[in-house]
Protein backbone atom coordinates (compact mmCIF):
# COMPACT_ATOMS: atom_id res chain seq x y z
CA UNK A 1 226.61 80.99 99.61
CA UNK A 2 225.89 83.12 96.55
CA UNK A 3 226.48 86.84 96.47
CA UNK A 4 223.97 88.94 98.41
CA UNK A 5 221.35 90.78 96.41
CA UNK A 6 220.36 94.37 97.05
CA UNK A 7 216.83 94.98 98.30
CA UNK A 8 214.76 97.97 99.39
CA UNK A 9 212.48 97.62 102.40
CA UNK A 10 209.76 99.53 104.21
CA UNK A 11 208.99 99.60 107.93
CA UNK A 12 206.24 96.97 107.81
CA UNK A 13 208.58 94.42 106.30
CA UNK A 14 211.26 95.09 108.93
CA UNK A 15 208.80 94.85 111.81
CA UNK A 16 207.39 91.59 110.46
CA UNK A 17 210.79 89.91 109.95
CA UNK A 18 211.79 90.95 113.48
CA UNK A 19 208.56 89.79 115.11
CA UNK A 20 208.69 86.54 113.11
CA UNK A 21 212.30 86.05 114.24
CA UNK A 22 213.60 85.58 110.70
CA UNK A 23 215.78 88.70 110.37
CA UNK A 24 218.94 86.61 110.57
CA UNK A 25 217.89 84.76 107.41
CA UNK A 26 217.33 88.01 105.53
CA UNK A 27 220.84 89.22 106.31
CA UNK A 28 222.34 86.04 104.86
CA UNK A 29 220.90 86.71 101.43
CA UNK A 30 220.27 90.43 101.06
CA UNK A 31 221.97 93.78 101.51
CA UNK A 32 219.14 96.03 102.63
CA UNK A 33 218.61 99.64 101.61
CA UNK A 34 216.00 101.94 103.08
CA UNK A 35 215.09 105.63 102.93
CA UNK A 36 215.50 107.87 105.98
CA UNK A 37 211.73 108.25 106.42
CA UNK A 38 211.49 104.46 106.83
CA UNK A 39 214.32 104.57 109.38
CA UNK A 40 212.39 107.25 111.28
CA UNK A 41 209.25 105.08 111.29
CA UNK A 42 211.19 102.08 112.61
CA UNK A 43 213.03 104.15 115.23
CA UNK A 44 209.92 106.02 116.41
CA UNK A 45 209.27 103.94 119.56
CA UNK A 46 212.88 104.36 120.67
CA UNK A 47 213.53 107.94 119.57
CA UNK A 48 210.17 109.58 120.36
CA UNK A 49 208.60 107.39 123.05
CA UNK A 50 211.69 106.09 124.84
CA UNK A 51 210.53 102.50 124.39
CA UNK A 52 213.37 100.05 123.82
CA UNK A 53 211.59 98.21 121.03
CA UNK A 54 213.53 95.22 119.68
CA UNK A 55 212.72 96.27 116.12
CA UNK A 56 214.25 99.72 116.58
CA UNK A 57 217.28 98.50 118.51
CA UNK A 58 218.08 95.73 116.00
CA UNK A 59 217.61 98.20 113.14
CA UNK A 60 220.17 100.55 114.69
CA UNK A 61 222.59 97.66 115.19
CA UNK A 62 222.24 96.61 111.56
CA UNK A 63 222.76 100.17 110.28
CA UNK A 64 225.93 100.45 112.38
CA UNK A 65 227.11 97.04 111.14
CA UNK A 66 226.45 97.95 107.49
CA UNK A 67 223.72 95.34 107.02
CA UNK A 68 221.26 98.16 106.27
CA UNK A 69 222.22 101.23 104.26
CA UNK A 70 220.22 104.44 104.41
CA UNK A 71 219.68 105.70 100.87
CA UNK A 72 217.31 108.33 99.54
CA UNK A 73 215.43 108.08 96.24
CA UNK A 74 215.79 111.03 93.88
CA UNK A 75 212.00 111.20 93.48
CA UNK A 76 209.06 109.63 95.27
CA UNK A 77 205.81 108.07 94.15
CA UNK A 78 202.45 108.94 95.66
CA UNK A 79 200.76 105.58 96.03
CA UNK A 80 200.64 104.70 99.74
CA UNK A 81 202.09 106.15 102.95
CA UNK A 82 205.29 108.23 102.89
CA UNK A 83 207.66 105.42 103.93
CA UNK A 84 206.20 102.92 101.50
CA UNK A 85 206.32 105.51 98.72
CA UNK A 86 209.99 106.26 99.37
CA UNK A 87 210.88 102.54 99.50
CA UNK A 88 209.04 101.91 96.24
CA UNK A 89 210.74 104.88 94.57
CA UNK A 90 214.16 103.68 95.73
CA UNK A 91 213.37 100.22 94.41
CA UNK A 92 212.34 101.60 91.02
CA UNK A 93 215.40 103.83 90.72
CA UNK A 94 217.74 100.94 91.51
CA UNK A 95 216.07 98.75 88.87
CA UNK A 96 214.59 96.28 91.30
CA UNK A 97 211.74 94.28 89.86
CA UNK A 98 208.11 94.66 90.93
CA UNK A 99 204.74 95.47 89.48
CA UNK A 100 201.80 97.48 90.74
CA UNK A 101 199.81 94.25 91.07
CA UNK A 102 202.46 92.77 93.33
CA UNK A 103 202.50 95.91 95.46
CA UNK A 104 198.72 95.72 95.84
CA UNK A 105 198.98 92.06 96.84
CA UNK A 106 201.35 92.85 99.68
CA UNK A 107 201.86 96.29 101.16
CA UNK A 108 205.09 95.05 102.76
CA UNK A 109 207.55 96.03 100.09
CA UNK A 110 210.64 93.88 99.72
CA UNK A 111 211.79 93.92 96.14
CA UNK A 112 214.64 92.06 94.54
CA UNK A 113 216.79 92.99 91.55
CA UNK A 114 215.51 92.40 88.03
CA UNK A 115 215.44 88.79 86.90
CA UNK A 116 214.51 87.39 90.31
CA UNK A 117 211.23 86.71 92.01
CA UNK A 118 209.29 89.18 94.13
CA UNK A 119 209.36 88.44 97.83
CA UNK A 120 207.00 89.88 100.41
CA UNK A 121 205.32 89.11 103.68
CA UNK A 122 201.58 89.39 103.80
CA UNK A 123 200.06 90.64 107.03
CA UNK A 124 196.40 90.85 106.26
């Protein structure tokens, strides 16, 4: 297997890979980074509502195992919702490749390092 690539994600992407039961594939190929606000969005059902949502529980397991790293961007953009904005800003600061057109095509942000293709899940 080739070396894992770094990728920034937002909450929508995480929820979709969990619901689609493909999270295990993602961890084989990517080291995931996400801002704290995205972590709060993912953990909301568990932390605020007391609901043991699979998405939140798996997220916590992956953070503890080092499969997901919490990392803050130095600045944020103001394009979408707070979590998406922070994930996009982190992606831009880390020199991951994406364009505004690609972001508009899929609001689920999952960007790969420069020189590779954009990858995203479309939900609507």
